[in-house]
Amino acid sequence: MRAWIYLIIASVFEVAWIYSVKFMDFRKLIKLSLPEVFTQKTGFYVLLPVLGYVVFGVGNIILFSKAMKTIPAGIAYATWMSVALVFVKITDVTIFKEPITLQQTFFILLILIGVVGLKIFA
């Protein structure tokens, strides 16, 4: 059971990693100097997605590898990606106010049913 919890948390870290990538601005990051990070608020906000990228990426890898110690790799990967996909869509709809259609909702429910099936029959 602990491995499945690791897998779900790894999926949450994957979502946070995805949004860290989304909010990275490489042009600003390249122009950023070290004193700006500590003296200007904007410097910190440019660096924050990079820190999230590293922290969530490493956390994701660690938790996913712990989950794969007891869950077969194919099932772990399918579950990890599926749960991350569902969480990304939920985040897009709730936080970023993107629209969702009835068809999308139906197929997301099918993904969740598949994940539950993998858990039950693994």
C-alpha atoms as a PDB file:
ATOM      1  CA  MET A   1       0.000   0.000   0.000  1.00  0.00           C
ATOM      2  CA  ARG A   2       2.885   2.345   0.807  1.00  0.00           C
ATOM      3  CA  ALA A   3       4.203   2.016  -2.758  1.00  0.00           C
ATOM      4  CA  TRP A   4       0.863   3.226  -4.155  1.00  0.00           C
ATOM      5  CA  ILE A   5       0.997   6.269  -1.881  1.00  0.00           C
ATOM      6  CA  TYR A   6       4.512   6.991  -3.158  1.00  0.00           C
ATOM      7  CA  LEU A   7       3.187   6.681  -6.686  1.00  0.00           C
ATOM      8  CA  ILE A   8       0.335   9.159  -6.113  1.00  0.00           C
ATOM      9  CA  ILE A   9       2.668  11.659  -4.436  1.00  0.00           C
ATOM     10  CA  ALA A  10       5.145  11.213  -7.306  1.00  0.00           C
ATOM     11  CA  SER A  11       2.288  12.064  -9.683  1.00  0.00           C
ATOM     12  CA  VAL A  12       1.557  15.231  -7.720  1.00  0.00           C
ATOM     13  CA  PHE A  13       5.259  16.134  -7.916  1.00  0.00           C
ATOM     14  CA  GLU A  14       5.119  15.476 -11.664  1.00  0.00           C
ATOM     15  CA  VAL A  15       2.271  17.987 -11.974  1.00  0.00           C
ATOM     16  CA  ALA A  16       4.206  20.572  -9.961  1.00  0.00           C
ATOM     17  CA  TRP A  17       7.244  19.883 -12.160  1.00  0.00           C
ATOM     18  CA  ILE A  18       5.136  20.396 -15.301  1.00  0.00           C
ATOM     19  CA  TYR A  19       3.916  23.778 -14.093  1.00  0.00           C
ATOM     20  CA  SER A  20       7.452  24.747 -13.076  1.00  0.00           C
ATOM     21  CA  VAL A  21       8.465  24.163 -16.684  1.00  0.00           C
ATOM     22  CA  LYS A  22       5.429  26.117 -17.900  1.00  0.00           C
ATOM     23  CA  PHE A  23       6.340  29.186 -15.868  1.00  0.00           C
ATOM     24  CA  MET A  24      10.073  29.199 -16.639  1.00  0.00           C
ATOM     25  CA  ASP A  25      11.210  32.178 -18.666  1.00  0.00           C
ATOM     26  CA  PHE A  26      14.613  31.367 -20.109  1.00  0.00           C
ATOM     27  CA  ARG A  27      15.171  34.834 -21.558  1.00  0.00           C
ATOM     28  CA  LYS A  28      14.795  36.415 -18.136  1.00  0.00           C
ATOM     29  CA  LEU A  29      16.759  33.606 -16.505  1.00  0.00           C
ATOM     30  CA  ILE A  30      19.736  34.099 -18.829  1.00  0.00           C
ATOM     31  CA  LYS A  31      19.769  37.855 -18.111  1.00  0.00           C
ATOM     32  CA  LEU A  32      19.472  37.321 -14.348  1.00  0.00           C
ATOM     33  CA  SER A  33      22.515  38.167 -12.271  1.00  0.00           C
ATOM     34  CA  LEU A  34      23.161  36.819  -8.788  1.00  0.00           C
ATOM     35  CA  PRO A  35      22.749  40.162  -6.993  1.00  0.00           C
ATOM     36  CA  GLU A  36      19.313  40.587  -8.602  1.00  0.00           C
ATOM     37  CA  VAL A  37      18.112  37.366  -6.994  1.00  0.00           C
ATOM     38  CA  PHE A  38      18.783  38.739  -3.520  1.00  0.00           C
ATOM     39  CA  THR A  39      17.947  42.417  -4.052  1.00  0.00           C
ATOM     40  CA  GLN A  40      14.955  42.463  -6.390  1.00  0.00           C
ATOM     41  CA  LYS A  41      11.658  40.700  -5.995  1.00  0.00           C
ATOM     42  CA  THR A  42      11.479  39.997  -9.732  1.00  0.00           C
ATOM     43  CA  GLY A  43      14.786  38.131  -9.606  1.00  0.00           C
ATOM     44  CA  PHE A  44      13.376  35.727  -7.060  1.00  0.00           C
ATOM     45  CA  TYR A  45      10.258  35.138  -9.169  1.00  0.00           C
ATOM     46  CA  VAL A  46      12.405  34.340 -12.193  1.00  0.00           C
ATOM     47  CA  LEU A  47      14.431  31.830 -10.183  1.00  0.00           C
ATOM     48  CA  LEU A  48      11.456  30.232  -8.379  1.00  0.00           C
ATOM     49  CA  PRO A  49      10.294  28.030 -11.307  1.00  0.00           C
ATOM     50  CA  VAL A  50      13.857  26.742 -11.737  1.00  0.00           C
ATOM     51  CA  LEU A  51      13.986  25.798  -8.059  1.00  0.00           C
ATOM     52  CA  GLY A  52      10.594  24.104  -8.412  1.00  0.00           C
ATOM     53  CA  TYR A  53      11.870  22.262 -11.473  1.00  0.00           C
ATOM     54  CA  VAL A  54      14.794  20.842  -9.520  1.00  0.00           C
ATOM     55  CA  VAL A  55      12.964  20.085  -6.253  1.00  0.00           C
ATOM     56  CA  PHE A  56       9.854  18.563  -7.808  1.00  0.00           C
ATOM     57  CA  GLY A  57      11.856  16.711 -10.456  1.00  0.00           C
ATOM     58  CA  VAL A  58      14.161  15.080  -7.923  1.00  0.00           C
ATOM     59  CA  GLY A  59      11.275  14.337  -5.535  1.00  0.00           C
ATOM     60  CA  ASN A  60       9.331  12.816  -8.395  1.00  0.00           C
ATOM     61  CA  ILE A  61      12.198  10.526  -9.379  1.00  0.00           C
ATOM     62  CA  ILE A  62      12.858   9.412  -5.805  1.00  0.00           C
ATOM     63  CA  LEU A  63       9.222   8.618  -5.027  1.00  0.00           C
ATOM     64  CA  PHE A  64       8.613   6.945  -8.383  1.00  0.00           C
ATOM     65  CA  SER A  65      11.677   4.732  -7.947  1.00  0.00           C
ATOM     66  CA  LYS A  66      10.535   3.761  -4.435  1.00  0.00           C
ATOM     67  CA  ALA A  67       7.114   2.815  -5.812  1.00  0.00           C
ATOM     68  CA  MET A  68       8.686   0.670  -8.535  1.00  0.00           C
ATOM     69  CA  LYS A  69      10.450  -1.462  -5.932  1.00  0.00           C
ATOM     70  CA  THR A  70       7.152  -3.318  -5.319  1.00  0.00           C
ATOM     71  CA  ILE A  71       4.868  -2.321  -8.210  1.00  0.00           C
ATOM     72  CA  PRO A  72       5.691  -3.735 -11.668  1.00  0.00           C
ATOM     73  CA  ALA A  73       7.244  -1.094 -13.935  1.00  0.00           C
ATOM     74  CA  GLY A  74       4.496  -1.100 -16.565  1.00  0.00           C
ATOM     75  CA  ILE A  75       1.710  -0.693 -14.031  1.00  0.00           C
ATOM     76  CA  ALA A  76       3.663   1.932 -12.078  1.00  0.00           C
ATOM     77  CA  TYR A  77       4.382   3.962 -15.197  1.00  0.00           C
ATOM     78  CA  ALA A  78       0.826   3.764 -16.523  1.00  0.00           C
ATOM     79  CA  THR A  79      -0.608   4.775 -13.165  1.00  0.00           C
ATOM     80  CA  TRP A  80       1.932   7.557 -12.603  1.00  0.00           C
ATOM     81  CA  MET A  81       1.296   9.137 -16.005  1.00  0.00           C
ATOM     82  CA  SER A  82      -2.471   8.684 -15.824  1.00  0.00           C
ATOM     83  CA  VAL A  83      -2.829  10.234 -12.393  1.00  0.00           C
ATOM     84  CA  ALA A  84      -0.532  13.109 -13.394  1.00  0.00           C
ATOM     85  CA  LEU A  85      -2.631  13.686 -16.519  1.00  0.00           C
ATOM     86  CA  VAL A  86      -5.833  13.822 -14.496  1.00  0.00           C
ATOM     87  CA  PHE A  87      -4.278  16.187 -11.937  1.00  0.00           C
ATOM     88  CA  VAL A  88      -3.014  18.472 -14.710  1.00  0.00           C
ATOM     89  CA  LYS A  89      -6.485  18.677 -16.203  1.00  0.00           C
ATOM     90  CA  ILE A  90      -8.057  19.343 -12.795  1.00  0.00           C
ATOM     91  CA  THR A  91      -5.477  22.083 -12.167  1.00  0.00           C
ATOM     92  CA  ASP A  92      -6.104  23.633 -15.577  1.00  0.00           C
ATOM     93  CA  VAL A  93      -9.854  23.729 -14.963  1.00  0.00           C
ATOM     94  CA  THR A  94      -9.847  24.864 -11.332  1.00  0.00           C
ATOM     95  CA  ILE A  95      -6.891  27.257 -11.187  1.00  0.00           C
ATOM     96  CA  PHE A  96      -6.364  28.417 -14.765  1.00  0.00           C
ATOM     97  CA  LYS A  97     -10.099  28.435 -15.611  1.00  0.00           C
ATOM     98  CA  GLU A  98      -9.704  26.440 -18.826  1.00  0.00           C
ATOM     99  CA  PRO A  99     -12.929  24.963 -20.174  1.00  0.00           C
ATOM    100  CA  ILE A 100     -13.716  21.272 -19.955  1.00  0.00           C
ATOM    101  CA  THR A 101     -16.167  19.430 -22.162  1.00  0.00           C
ATOM    102  CA  LEU A 102     -18.425  16.543 -21.338  1.00  0.00           C
ATOM    103  CA  GLN A 103     -16.359  14.319 -23.623  1.00  0.00           C
ATOM    104  CA  GLN A 104     -13.141  15.224 -21.794  1.00  0.00           C
ATOM    105  CA  THR A 105     -14.818  14.474 -18.462  1.00  0.00           C
ATOM    106  CA  PHE A 106     -15.968  11.093 -19.775  1.00  0.00           C
ATOM    107  CA  PHE A 107     -12.492  10.094 -20.943  1.00  0.00           C
ATOM    108  CA  ILE A 108     -10.858  11.316 -17.743  1.00  0.00           C
ATOM    109  CA  LEU A 109     -13.273   9.096 -15.833  1.00  0.00           C
ATOM    110  CA  LEU A 110     -12.227   6.188 -18.070  1.00  0.00           C
ATOM    111  CA  ILE A 111      -8.584   6.908 -17.187  1.00  0.00           C
ATOM    112  CA  LEU A 112      -9.449   6.868 -13.492  1.00  0.00           C
ATOM    113  CA  ILE A 113     -11.371   3.613 -13.899  1.00  0.00           C
ATOM    114  CA  GLY A 114      -8.296   2.143 -15.582  1.00  0.00           C
ATOM    115  CA  VAL A 115      -6.062   3.233 -12.704  1.00  0.00           C
ATOM    116  CA  VAL A 116      -8.429   1.705 -10.152  1.00  0.00           C
ATOM    117  CA  GLY A 117      -8.493  -1.492 -12.229  1.00  0.00           C
ATOM    118  CA  LEU A 118      -4.695  -1.605 -12.275  1.00  0.00           C
ATOM    119  CA  LYS A 119      -4.648  -1.188  -8.496  1.00  0.00           C
ATOM    120  CA  ILE A 120      -7.243  -3.879  -7.886  1.00  0.00           C
ATOM    121  CA  PHE A 121      -5.792  -6.470 -10.257  1.00  0.00           C
ATOM    122  CA  ALA A 122      -2.066  -5.753  -9.777  1.00  0.00           C
END
